Amino acid sequence: MNERLKDILSNLHSEVDQEELLRYLEGHLAPEQQQELEAQLLDNDFEAEALEGLQALPDQKKIAGLVEGLNRDLRKKTEKRQARRKAPLQLEPWLLITIALILLLAIIGFVIIKMKSGE
């Protein structure tokens, strides 16, 4: 899976990157850049809600740490899920033999019934 897709904030507007958004939230962007970023994010309802939610956090300085923690947790969960998917299906040999015997008995039974009814 593409590492960029695992980042929580990377799926926001294509012109807004995570670092720029964090600088905005921490108040490290010039006023013109802030207005431009707000205009880009307000075009989409989801992104506007996300920005509003991030701004509502009490300590804006901790946002970078929160985002990093969320990204780390998301990577762990997706890696576990991918590892589970890659495990090949293992059939026990005794199970295969049992299935083969049942099919063989069914075929033999069918043939015997057909032969008896054909007489």
C-alpha atoms as a PDB file:
ATOM      1  CA  MET A   1       0.000   0.000   0.000  1.00  0.00           C
ATOM      2  CA  ASN A   2       1.242   3.469  -0.810  1.00  0.00           C
ATOM      3  CA  GLU A   3       2.702   5.085   2.338  1.00  0.00           C
ATOM      4  CA  ARG A   4       1.140   8.444   1.412  1.00  0.00           C
ATOM      5  CA  LEU A   5      -2.345   6.940   1.548  1.00  0.00           C
ATOM      6  CA  LYS A   6      -1.773   5.910   5.147  1.00  0.00           C
ATOM      7  CA  ASP A   7      -1.336   9.486   6.374  1.00  0.00           C
ATOM      8  CA  ILE A   8      -4.434  10.855   8.057  1.00  0.00           C
ATOM      9  CA  LEU A   9      -4.261  14.363   6.581  1.00  0.00           C
ATOM     10  CA  SER A  10      -2.878  13.482   3.170  1.00  0.00           C
ATOM     11  CA  ASN A  11      -6.304  12.804   1.649  1.00  0.00           C
ATOM     12  CA  LEU A  12      -7.397  16.402   2.042  1.00  0.00           C
ATOM     13  CA  HIS A  13      -7.468  18.786  -0.902  1.00  0.00           C
ATOM     14  CA  SER A  14      -4.785  17.857  -3.443  1.00  0.00           C
ATOM     15  CA  GLU A  15      -3.239  21.328  -3.299  1.00  0.00           C
ATOM     16  CA  VAL A  16      -2.911  21.296   0.503  1.00  0.00           C
ATOM     17  CA  ASP A  17      -0.204  19.192   2.040  1.00  0.00           C
ATOM     18  CA  GLN A  18      -0.040  18.034   5.628  1.00  0.00           C
ATOM     19  CA  GLU A  19       2.893  20.254   6.604  1.00  0.00           C
ATOM     20  CA  GLU A  20       1.184  23.385   5.311  1.00  0.00           C
ATOM     21  CA  LEU A  21      -1.998  22.518   7.213  1.00  0.00           C
ATOM     22  CA  LEU A  22      -0.047  21.962  10.437  1.00  0.00           C
ATOM     23  CA  ARG A  23       1.770  25.283  10.002  1.00  0.00           C
ATOM     24  CA  TYR A  24      -1.620  26.950   9.498  1.00  0.00           C
ATOM     25  CA  LEU A  25      -3.028  25.423  12.674  1.00  0.00           C
ATOM     26  CA  GLU A  26       0.039  26.465  14.648  1.00  0.00           C
ATOM     27  CA  GLY A  27      -0.217  30.010  13.255  1.00  0.00           C
ATOM     28  CA  HIS A  28       3.072  29.936  11.318  1.00  0.00           C
ATOM     29  CA  LEU A  29       1.679  30.958   7.914  1.00  0.00           C
ATOM     30  CA  ALA A  30       1.568  34.459   6.483  1.00  0.00           C
ATOM     31  CA  PRO A  31      -1.940  36.015   6.383  1.00  0.00           C
ATOM     32  CA  GLU A  32      -2.119  35.699   2.577  1.00  0.00           C
ATOM     33  CA  GLN A  33      -1.195  32.019   2.772  1.00  0.00           C
ATOM     34  CA  GLN A  34      -3.784  31.485   5.525  1.00  0.00           C
ATOM     35  CA  GLN A  35      -6.529  33.024   3.402  1.00  0.00           C
ATOM     36  CA  GLU A  36      -5.513  30.966   0.373  1.00  0.00           C
ATOM     37  CA  LEU A  37      -5.505  27.753   2.410  1.00  0.00           C
ATOM     38  CA  GLU A  38      -8.903  28.533   3.945  1.00  0.00           C
ATOM     39  CA  ALA A  39     -10.358  29.236   0.498  1.00  0.00           C
ATOM     40  CA  GLN A  40      -9.057  25.884  -0.788  1.00  0.00           C
ATOM     41  CA  LEU A  41     -10.405  23.939   2.180  1.00  0.00           C
ATOM     42  CA  LEU A  42     -13.795  25.636   2.278  1.00  0.00           C
ATOM     43  CA  ASP A  43     -14.609  24.410  -1.244  1.00  0.00           C
ATOM     44  CA  ASN A  44     -15.326  20.968   0.191  1.00  0.00           C
ATOM     45  CA  ASP A  45     -17.759  20.391   3.090  1.00  0.00           C
ATOM     46  CA  PHE A  46     -15.743  17.495   4.515  1.00  0.00           C
ATOM     47  CA  GLU A  47     -12.518  19.476   4.499  1.00  0.00           C
ATOM     48  CA  ALA A  48     -14.236  22.500   6.040  1.00  0.00           C
ATOM     49  CA  GLU A  49     -15.559  20.316   8.866  1.00  0.00           C
ATOM     50  CA  ALA A  50     -12.116  18.774   9.366  1.00  0.00           C
ATOM     51  CA  LEU A  51     -10.517  22.225   9.587  1.00  0.00           C
ATOM     52  CA  GLU A  52     -13.179  23.382  12.035  1.00  0.00           C
ATOM     53  CA  GLY A  53     -12.614  20.299  14.192  1.00  0.00           C
ATOM     54  CA  LEU A  54      -8.849  20.767  14.206  1.00  0.00           C
ATOM     55  CA  GLN A  55      -9.241  24.412  15.138  1.00  0.00           C
ATOM     56  CA  ALA A  56     -11.488  23.434  18.059  1.00  0.00           C
ATOM     57  CA  LEU A  57      -8.690  21.458  19.725  1.00  0.00           C
ATOM     58  CA  PRO A  58      -7.595  23.224  22.924  1.00  0.00           C
ATOM     59  CA  ASP A  59      -3.832  23.054  22.361  1.00  0.00           C
ATOM     60  CA  GLN A  60      -2.872  23.755  18.743  1.00  0.00           C
ATOM     61  CA  LYS A  61       0.817  22.999  19.488  1.00  0.00           C
ATOM     62  CA  LYS A  62       0.040  19.329  20.147  1.00  0.00           C
ATOM     63  CA  ILE A  63      -1.657  18.735  16.795  1.00  0.00           C
ATOM     64  CA  ALA A  64       1.544  17.553  15.098  1.00  0.00           C
ATOM     65  CA  GLY A  65       2.028  14.950  17.830  1.00  0.00           C
ATOM     66  CA  LEU A  66      -1.591  13.838  17.582  1.00  0.00           C
ATOM     67  CA  VAL A  67      -1.360  13.493  13.811  1.00  0.00           C
ATOM     68  CA  GLU A  68       1.871  11.514  14.102  1.00  0.00           C
ATOM     69  CA  GLY A  69       0.260   9.210  16.678  1.00  0.00           C
ATOM     70  CA  LEU A  70      -2.799   8.674  14.476  1.00  0.00           C
ATOM     71  CA  ASN A  71      -0.601   7.929  11.465  1.00  0.00           C
ATOM     72  CA  ARG A  72       1.482   5.455  13.490  1.00  0.00           C
ATOM     73  CA  ASP A  73      -1.645   3.652  14.770  1.00  0.00           C
ATOM     74  CA  LEU A  74      -3.147   3.587  11.274  1.00  0.00           C
ATOM     75  CA  ARG A  75       0.026   2.060   9.821  1.00  0.00           C
ATOM     76  CA  LYS A  76       0.083  -0.641  12.510  1.00  0.00           C
ATOM     77  CA  LYS A  77      -3.531  -1.581  11.889  1.00  0.00           C
ATOM     78  CA  THR A  78      -3.202  -1.663   8.104  1.00  0.00           C
ATOM     79  CA  GLU A  79       0.008  -3.705   8.294  1.00  0.00           C
ATOM     80  CA  LYS A  80      -1.704  -6.289  10.531  1.00  0.00           C
ATOM     81  CA  ARG A  81      -4.662  -6.467   8.166  1.00  0.00           C
ATOM     82  CA  GLN A  82      -2.380  -6.904   5.137  1.00  0.00           C
ATOM     83  CA  ALA A  83      -0.411  -9.640   6.898  1.00  0.00           C
ATOM     84  CA  ARG A  84      -3.653 -11.504   7.579  1.00  0.00           C
ATOM     85  CA  ARG A  85      -4.707 -11.289   3.938  1.00  0.00           C
ATOM     86  CA  LYS A  86      -1.416 -12.647   2.641  1.00  0.00           C
ATOM     87  CA  ALA A  87      -1.618 -15.883   4.648  1.00  0.00           C
ATOM     88  CA  PRO A  88      -2.313 -18.695   2.159  1.00  0.00           C
ATOM     89  CA  LEU A  89      -5.229 -21.058   2.716  1.00  0.00           C
ATOM     90  CA  GLN A  90      -3.893 -24.309   4.155  1.00  0.00           C
ATOM     91  CA  LEU A  91      -5.882 -27.496   3.738  1.00  0.00           C
ATOM     92  CA  GLU A  92      -5.023 -30.479   5.887  1.00  0.00           C
ATOM     93  CA  PRO A  93      -4.159 -33.660   3.965  1.00  0.00           C
ATOM     94  CA  TRP A  94      -6.690 -35.723   5.939  1.00  0.00           C
ATOM     95  CA  LEU A  95      -9.416 -33.262   4.953  1.00  0.00           C
ATOM     96  CA  LEU A  96      -8.568 -33.626   1.258  1.00  0.00           C
ATOM     97  CA  ILE A  97      -8.558 -37.442   1.542  1.00  0.00           C
ATOM     98  CA  THR A  98     -11.937 -37.389   3.320  1.00  0.00           C
ATOM     99  CA  ILE A  99     -13.465 -35.162   0.631  1.00  0.00           C
ATOM    100  CA  ALA A 100     -12.075 -37.388  -2.122  1.00  0.00           C
ATOM    101  CA  LEU A 101     -13.470 -40.536  -0.439  1.00  0.00           C
ATOM    102  CA  ILE A 102     -16.915 -38.990   0.004  1.00  0.00           C
ATOM    103  CA  LEU A 103     -16.996 -37.941  -3.659  1.00  0.00           C
ATOM    104  CA  LEU A 104     -15.843 -41.403  -4.737  1.00  0.00           C
ATOM    105  CA  LEU A 105     -18.551 -43.089  -2.631  1.00  0.00           C
ATOM    106  CA  ALA A 106     -21.184 -40.741  -4.046  1.00  0.00           C
ATOM    107  CA  ILE A 107     -20.136 -41.529  -7.612  1.00  0.00           C
ATOM    108  CA  ILE A 108     -20.095 -45.273  -6.949  1.00  0.00           C
ATOM    109  CA  GLY A 109     -23.530 -45.049  -5.312  1.00  0.00           C
ATOM    110  CA  PHE A 110     -24.887 -43.097  -8.281  1.00  0.00           C
ATOM    111  CA  VAL A 111     -23.527 -45.655 -10.743  1.00  0.00           C
ATOM    112  CA  ILE A 112     -24.978 -48.601  -8.761  1.00  0.00           C
ATOM    113  CA  ILE A 113     -28.399 -46.921  -8.546  1.00  0.00           C
ATOM    114  CA  LYS A 114     -28.378 -46.179 -12.293  1.00  0.00           C
ATOM    115  CA  MET A 115     -27.420 -49.780 -13.081  1.00  0.00           C
ATOM    116  CA  LYS A 116     -30.170 -51.221 -10.841  1.00  0.00           C
ATOM    117  CA  SER A 117     -32.836 -48.882 -12.225  1.00  0.00           C
ATOM    118  CA  GLY A 118     -31.787 -49.648 -15.799  1.00  0.00           C
ATOM    119  CA  GLU A 119     -32.449 -53.393 -15.499  1.00  0.00           C
END
